């Protein structure tokens, strides 16, 4: 299982759509055909250079690498992290549940998508500094390493999808301390 970072726009302009539609999007509207129709990263890079002639070759390679990750390297059951811009310091965690899809019936920036089940919102501050630096990468889509450490921190806030819950039954005899009468619990309404 891999963990991927997928941002929802420089200013969080796509965040609500990500969460409401249970999807992540590759929001580069310049690519108006399926990402998986290209023969590889180099073909995507060439396409970027043709579509945006003023784009520098290095930038086109960067965008092509992200497109390749989104369409070919991400897999069902991988995790995705989308940092929130609307709730600063919060990371939305999801599990990818769908293959790459291309849809011509939606707005240009939402053509490329993957279905996701969002399962937790976790404060960025719970992660160690090196992971926080990785999550602050100035790139839209990339792989985040340290899967075991990330999973452990997330499990403190919410169980991972499809994980088994360990149930501990209460003790058979509840001990009494300093009284021969049964313990009584008084409940007060919450105001």
C-alpha atoms as a PDB file:
ATOM      1  CA  UNK A   1       0.000   0.000   0.000  1.00  0.00           C
ATOM      2  CA  UNK A   2       1.288   3.423  -0.950  1.00  0.00           C
ATOM      3  CA  UNK A   3       0.313   6.825   0.415  1.00  0.00           C
ATOM      4  CA  UNK A   4      -0.140   9.722  -1.984  1.00  0.00           C
ATOM      5  CA  UNK A   5      -0.462  13.461  -1.554  1.00  0.00           C
ATOM      6  CA  UNK A   6      -3.127  15.032  -3.774  1.00  0.00           C
ATOM      7  CA  UNK A   7      -3.749  18.748  -3.301  1.00  0.00           C
ATOM      8  CA  UNK A   8      -7.127  20.347  -3.988  1.00  0.00           C
ATOM      9  CA  UNK A   9      -5.819  23.517  -5.615  1.00  0.00           C
ATOM     10  CA  UNK A  10      -3.351  26.201  -4.617  1.00  0.00           C
ATOM     11  CA  UNK A  11      -6.010  27.986  -2.546  1.00  0.00           C
ATOM     12  CA  UNK A  12      -8.214  24.963  -1.748  1.00  0.00           C
ATOM     13  CA  UNK A  13     -10.618  25.914  -4.537  1.00  0.00           C
ATOM     14  CA  UNK A  14     -11.359  22.238  -5.307  1.00  0.00           C
ATOM     15  CA  UNK A  15     -11.481  20.945  -1.719  1.00  0.00           C
ATOM     16  CA  UNK A  16     -15.263  20.969  -1.317  1.00  0.00           C
ATOM     17  CA  UNK A  17     -15.671  19.101  -4.612  1.00  0.00           C
ATOM     18  CA  UNK A  18     -13.103  16.468  -3.530  1.00  0.00           C
ATOM     19  CA  UNK A  19     -14.939  15.835  -0.260  1.00  0.00           C
ATOM     20  CA  UNK A  20     -18.541  16.107  -1.491  1.00  0.00           C
ATOM     21  CA  UNK A  21     -18.011  13.861  -4.523  1.00  0.00           C
ATOM     22  CA  UNK A  22     -15.756  11.361  -2.722  1.00  0.00           C
ATOM     23  CA  UNK A  23     -13.144  11.812  -5.428  1.00  0.00           C
ATOM     24  CA  UNK A  24      -9.704  13.177  -6.033  1.00  0.00           C
ATOM     25  CA  UNK A  25      -9.047  15.051  -9.242  1.00  0.00           C
ATOM     26  CA  UNK A  26      -6.047  15.760 -11.414  1.00  0.00           C
ATOM     27  CA  UNK A  27      -7.105  19.356 -12.026  1.00  0.00           C
ATOM     28  CA  UNK A  28      -4.761  20.210 -14.900  1.00  0.00           C
ATOM     29  CA  UNK A  29      -7.369  21.277 -17.446  1.00  0.00           C
ATOM     30  CA  UNK A  30      -4.795  21.439 -20.250  1.00  0.00           C
ATOM     31  CA  UNK A  31      -5.073  17.687 -20.807  1.00  0.00           C
ATOM     32  CA  UNK A  32      -8.284  17.095 -22.709  1.00  0.00           C
ATOM     33  CA  UNK A  33      -7.855  13.386 -23.327  1.00  0.00           C
ATOM     34  CA  UNK A  34      -7.448  10.354 -21.015  1.00  0.00           C
ATOM     35  CA  UNK A  35      -4.114  10.224 -19.193  1.00  0.00           C
ATOM     36  CA  UNK A  36      -3.935   6.469 -19.710  1.00  0.00           C
ATOM     37  CA  UNK A  37      -4.080   6.954 -23.489  1.00  0.00           C
ATOM     38  CA  UNK A  38      -0.489   8.211 -23.505  1.00  0.00           C
ATOM     39  CA  UNK A  39       2.354   5.735 -23.981  1.00  0.00           C
ATOM     40  CA  UNK A  40       4.167   7.066 -20.912  1.00  0.00           C
ATOM     41  CA  UNK A  41       5.565  10.079 -19.116  1.00  0.00           C
ATOM     42  CA  UNK A  42       7.552  11.355 -22.106  1.00  0.00           C
ATOM     43  CA  UNK A  43       4.414  11.394 -24.283  1.00  0.00           C
ATOM     44  CA  UNK A  44       2.528  13.360 -21.614  1.00  0.00           C
ATOM     45  CA  UNK A  45       5.437  15.793 -21.335  1.00  0.00           C
ATOM     46  CA  UNK A  46       5.409  16.338 -25.094  1.00  0.00           C
ATOM     47  CA  UNK A  47       1.645  16.917 -24.974  1.00  0.00           C
ATOM     48  CA  UNK A  48       2.095  19.591 -22.269  1.00  0.00           C
ATOM     49  CA  UNK A  49       4.760  21.304 -24.368  1.00  0.00           C
ATOM     50  CA  UNK A  50       2.473  21.312 -27.423  1.00  0.00           C
ATOM     51  CA  UNK A  51      -0.556  22.594 -25.475  1.00  0.00           C
ATOM     52  CA  UNK A  52       1.420  25.289 -23.635  1.00  0.00           C
ATOM     53  CA  UNK A  53       4.377  26.329 -25.834  1.00  0.00           C
ATOM     54  CA  UNK A  54       5.636  28.839 -23.255  1.00  0.00           C
ATOM     55  CA  UNK A  55       6.004  26.100 -20.636  1.00  0.00           C
ATOM     56  CA  UNK A  56       9.597  25.227 -19.782  1.00  0.00           C
ATOM     57  CA  UNK A  57      10.699  21.656 -20.429  1.00  0.00           C
ATOM     58  CA  UNK A  58      11.417  20.994 -16.735  1.00  0.00           C
ATOM     59  CA  UNK A  59       7.945  22.196 -15.727  1.00  0.00           C
ATOM     60  CA  UNK A  60       6.385  19.991 -18.419  1.00  0.00           C
ATOM     61  CA  UNK A  61       8.337  17.009 -17.038  1.00  0.00           C
ATOM     62  CA  UNK A  62       7.102  17.814 -13.526  1.00  0.00           C
ATOM     63  CA  UNK A  63       3.458  17.987 -14.693  1.00  0.00           C
ATOM     64  CA  UNK A  64       3.863  14.813 -16.772  1.00  0.00           C
ATOM     65  CA  UNK A  65       5.276  12.946 -13.759  1.00  0.00           C
ATOM     66  CA  UNK A  66       2.264  13.967 -11.677  1.00  0.00           C
ATOM     67  CA  UNK A  67      -0.147  12.919 -14.439  1.00  0.00           C
ATOM     68  CA  UNK A  68       1.604   9.545 -14.684  1.00  0.00           C
ATOM     69  CA  UNK A  69       1.352   9.051 -10.913  1.00  0.00           C
ATOM     70  CA  UNK A  70      -2.354   9.897 -10.936  1.00  0.00           C
ATOM     71  CA  UNK A  71      -3.289   7.646 -13.835  1.00  0.00           C
ATOM     72  CA  UNK A  72      -0.859   4.739 -13.550  1.00  0.00           C
ATOM     73  CA  UNK A  73       0.891   4.499 -10.196  1.00  0.00           C
ATOM     74  CA  UNK A  74      -1.959   5.115  -7.758  1.00  0.00           C
ATOM     75  CA  UNK A  75      -3.872   1.918  -7.009  1.00  0.00           C
ATOM     76  CA  UNK A  76      -7.124   0.855  -5.415  1.00  0.00           C
ATOM     77  CA  UNK A  77      -6.594   0.464  -1.634  1.00  0.00           C
ATOM     78  CA  UNK A  78      -3.774   3.039  -1.555  1.00  0.00           C
ATOM     79  CA  UNK A  79      -4.283   5.949   0.810  1.00  0.00           C
ATOM     80  CA  UNK A  80      -4.497   9.575  -0.256  1.00  0.00           C
ATOM     81  CA  UNK A  81      -3.881  12.695   1.812  1.00  0.00           C
ATOM     82  CA  UNK A  82      -5.463  16.000   0.828  1.00  0.00           C
ATOM     83  CA  UNK A  83      -4.300  18.940   2.958  1.00  0.00           C
ATOM     84  CA  UNK A  84      -7.136  21.297   3.833  1.00  0.00           C
ATOM     85  CA  UNK A  85      -6.878  24.978   2.973  1.00  0.00           C
ATOM     86  CA  UNK A  86     -10.317  25.635   4.472  1.00  0.00           C
ATOM     87  CA  UNK A  87      -9.324  24.106   7.823  1.00  0.00           C
ATOM     88  CA  UNK A  88      -5.621  24.997   8.121  1.00  0.00           C
ATOM     89  CA  UNK A  89      -3.531  22.278   9.738  1.00  0.00           C
ATOM     90  CA  UNK A  90      -6.025  19.498   8.914  1.00  0.00           C
ATOM     91  CA  UNK A  91      -5.255  16.591   6.585  1.00  0.00           C
ATOM     92  CA  UNK A  92      -8.099  14.667   4.933  1.00  0.00           C
ATOM     93  CA  UNK A  93      -7.311  10.936   4.651  1.00  0.00           C
ATOM     94  CA  UNK A  94      -9.006   8.664   2.165  1.00  0.00           C
ATOM     95  CA  UNK A  95      -8.691   5.246   0.631  1.00  0.00           C
ATOM     96  CA  UNK A  96      -8.686   5.004  -3.151  1.00  0.00           C
ATOM     97  CA  UNK A  97     -11.602   2.779  -4.184  1.00  0.00           C
ATOM     98  CA  UNK A  98     -11.730   3.389  -7.922  1.00  0.00           C
ATOM     99  CA  UNK A  99      -9.506   3.151 -10.948  1.00  0.00           C
ATOM    100  CA  UNK A 100      -8.519   6.224 -12.936  1.00  0.00           C
ATOM    101  CA  UNK A 101     -11.504   7.674 -14.826  1.00  0.00           C
ATOM    102  CA  UNK A 102     -11.854  10.279 -17.574  1.00  0.00           C
ATOM    103  CA  UNK A 103     -15.177  12.092 -17.990  1.00  0.00           C
ATOM    104  CA  UNK A 104     -15.914  14.522 -20.837  1.00  0.00           C
ATOM    105  CA  UNK A 105     -19.292  15.519 -19.347  1.00  0.00           C
ATOM    106  CA  UNK A 106     -17.844  17.586 -16.477  1.00  0.00           C
ATOM    107  CA  UNK A 107     -15.895  20.834 -16.187  1.00  0.00           C
ATOM    108  CA  UNK A 108     -12.412  20.650 -17.699  1.00  0.00           C
ATOM    109  CA  UNK A 109     -10.550  20.603 -14.400  1.00  0.00           C
ATOM    110  CA  UNK A 110     -12.606  17.632 -13.116  1.00  0.00           C
ATOM    111  CA  UNK A 111     -12.207  15.313 -16.119  1.00  0.00           C
ATOM    112  CA  UNK A 112      -9.507  13.169 -14.504  1.00  0.00           C
ATOM    113  CA  UNK A 113     -10.602  11.475 -11.269  1.00  0.00           C
ATOM    114  CA  UNK A 114     -10.409   8.554  -8.883  1.00  0.00           C
ATOM    115  CA  UNK A 115     -13.096   7.549  -6.379  1.00  0.00           C
ATOM    116  CA  UNK A 116     -12.114   7.791  -2.721  1.00  0.00           C
ATOM    117  CA  UNK A 117     -13.659   6.893   0.647  1.00  0.00           C
ATOM    118  CA  UNK A 118     -12.686   9.655   3.059  1.00  0.00           C
ATOM    119  CA  UNK A 119     -12.171   8.141   6.494  1.00  0.00           C
ATOM    120  CA  UNK A 120     -10.393  10.613   8.749  1.00  0.00           C
ATOM    121  CA  UNK A 121      -9.360  14.209   9.303  1.00  0.00           C
ATOM    122  CA  UNK A 122      -6.105  14.392  11.238  1.00  0.00           C
ATOM    123  CA  UNK A 123      -4.193  17.434  12.515  1.00  0.00           C
ATOM    124  CA  UNK A 124      -0.876  17.799  10.696  1.00  0.00           C
ATOM    125  CA  UNK A 125       0.750  18.505  14.067  1.00  0.00           C
ATOM    126  CA  UNK A 126       0.475  14.852  15.188  1.00  0.00           C
ATOM    127  CA  UNK A 127       3.113  13.844  12.647  1.00  0.00           C
ATOM    128  CA  UNK A 128       6.834  14.043  13.226  1.00  0.00           C
ATOM    129  CA  UNK A 129       8.683  16.948  11.636  1.00  0.00           C
ATOM    130  CA  UNK A 130      10.133  14.996   8.694  1.00  0.00           C
ATOM    131  CA  UNK A 131       6.662  13.807   7.685  1.00  0.00           C
ATOM    132  CA  UNK A 132       5.275  17.339   8.055  1.00  0.00           C
ATOM    133  CA  UNK A 133       7.984  18.550   5.660  1.00  0.00           C
ATOM    134  CA  UNK A 134       6.993  15.860   3.143  1.00  0.00           C
ATOM    135  CA  UNK A 135       3.349  16.907   3.433  1.00  0.00           C
ATOM    136  CA  UNK A 136       4.387  20.492   2.737  1.00  0.00           C
ATOM    137  CA  UNK A 137       5.915  19.588  -0.636  1.00  0.00           C
ATOM    138  CA  UNK A 138       5.245  22.256  -3.242  1.00  0.00           C
ATOM    139  CA  UNK A 139       3.854  19.722  -5.678  1.00  0.00           C
ATOM    140  CA  UNK A 140       0.233  18.780  -6.394  1.00  0.00           C
ATOM    141  CA  UNK A 141       0.518  14.989  -6.579  1.00  0.00           C
ATOM    142  CA  UNK A 142       3.348  12.870  -5.175  1.00  0.00           C
ATOM    143  CA  UNK A 143       4.094   9.780  -3.100  1.00  0.00           C
ATOM    144  CA  UNK A 144       4.661  10.149   0.630  1.00  0.00           C
ATOM    145  CA  UNK A 145       7.027   7.657   2.257  1.00  0.00           C
ATOM    146  CA  UNK A 146       7.001   6.441   5.873  1.00  0.00           C
ATOM    147  CA  UNK A 147       3.727   4.551   5.427  1.00  0.00           C
ATOM    148  CA  UNK A 148       3.988   2.664   8.732  1.00  0.00           C
ATOM    149  CA  UNK A 149       4.540   5.820  10.791  1.00  0.00           C
ATOM    150  CA  UNK A 150       1.711   7.640   9.025  1.00  0.00           C
ATOM    151  CA  UNK A 151      -0.695   4.714   9.497  1.00  0.00           C
ATOM    152  CA  UNK A 152       0.186   4.529  13.201  1.00  0.00           C
ATOM    153  CA  UNK A 153      -0.490   8.238  13.755  1.00  0.00           C
ATOM    154  CA  UNK A 154      -3.782   8.104  11.811  1.00  0.00           C
ATOM    155  CA  UNK A 155      -4.921   5.029  13.765  1.00  0.00           C
ATOM    156  CA  UNK A 156      -4.868   7.132  16.941  1.00  0.00           C
ATOM    157  CA  UNK A 157      -7.643   9.282  15.451  1.00  0.00           C
ATOM    158  CA  UNK A 158      -9.641   6.825  13.407  1.00  0.00           C
ATOM    159  CA  UNK A 159      -9.300   3.136  12.532  1.00  0.00           C
ATOM    160  CA  UNK A 160      -8.047   2.437   9.044  1.00  0.00           C
ATOM    161  CA  UNK A 161     -10.677   1.347   6.541  1.00  0.00           C
ATOM    162  CA  UNK A 162     -11.385  -2.390   6.607  1.00  0.00           C
ATOM    163  CA  UNK A 163      -9.294  -2.863   9.746  1.00  0.00           C
ATOM    164  CA  UNK A 164     -10.480  -5.219  12.416  1.00  0.00           C
ATOM    165  CA  UNK A 165     -11.445  -3.640  15.697  1.00  0.00           C
ATOM    166  CA  UNK A 166     -10.027  -5.335  18.754  1.00  0.00           C
ATOM    167  CA  UNK A 167     -12.775  -5.700  21.323  1.00  0.00           C
ATOM    168  CA  UNK A 168     -11.995  -6.176  24.999  1.00  0.00           C
ATOM    169  CA  UNK A 169     -15.015  -7.326  26.996  1.00  0.00           C
ATOM    170  CA  UNK A 170     -15.455  -5.798  30.448  1.00  0.00           C
ATOM    171  CA  UNK A 171     -14.232  -7.863  33.409  1.00  0.00           C
ATOM    172  CA  UNK A 172     -16.724 -10.422  34.751  1.00  0.00           C
ATOM    173  CA  UNK A 173     -16.648  -8.963  38.233  1.00  0.00           C
ATOM    174  CA  UNK A 174     -16.519  -5.223  38.646  1.00  0.00           C
ATOM    175  CA  UNK A 175     -14.506  -4.492  41.786  1.00  0.00           C
ATOM    176  CA  UNK A 176     -16.023  -2.348  44.504  1.00  0.00           C
ATOM    177  CA  UNK A 177     -13.883   0.034  46.440  1.00  0.00           C
ATOM    178  CA  UNK A 178     -14.748   0.761  50.097  1.00  0.00           C
ATOM    179  CA  UNK A 179     -18.440  -0.066  50.019  1.00  0.00           C
ATOM    180  CA  UNK A 180     -20.655  -3.085  50.338  1.00  0.00           C
ATOM    181  CA  UNK A 181     -23.392  -1.522  48.204  1.00  0.00           C
ATOM    182  CA  UNK A 182     -23.392  -1.697  44.404  1.00  0.00           C
ATOM    183  CA  UNK A 183     -21.828   1.252  42.666  1.00  0.00           C
ATOM    184  CA  UNK A 184     -24.333   3.854  41.503  1.00  0.00           C
ATOM    185  CA  UNK A 185     -23.872   6.199  38.661  1.00  0.00           C
ATOM    186  CA  UNK A 186     -25.650   9.529  38.624  1.00  0.00           C
ATOM    187  CA  UNK A 187     -26.244  11.069  35.237  1.00  0.00           C
ATOM    188  CA  UNK A 188     -26.755  14.789  34.790  1.00  0.00           C
ATOM    189  CA  UNK A 189     -28.169  16.369  31.654  1.00  0.00           C
ATOM    190  CA  UNK A 190     -25.630  18.148  29.498  1.00  0.00           C
ATOM    191  CA  UNK A 191     -26.373  21.810  29.156  1.00  0.00           C
END
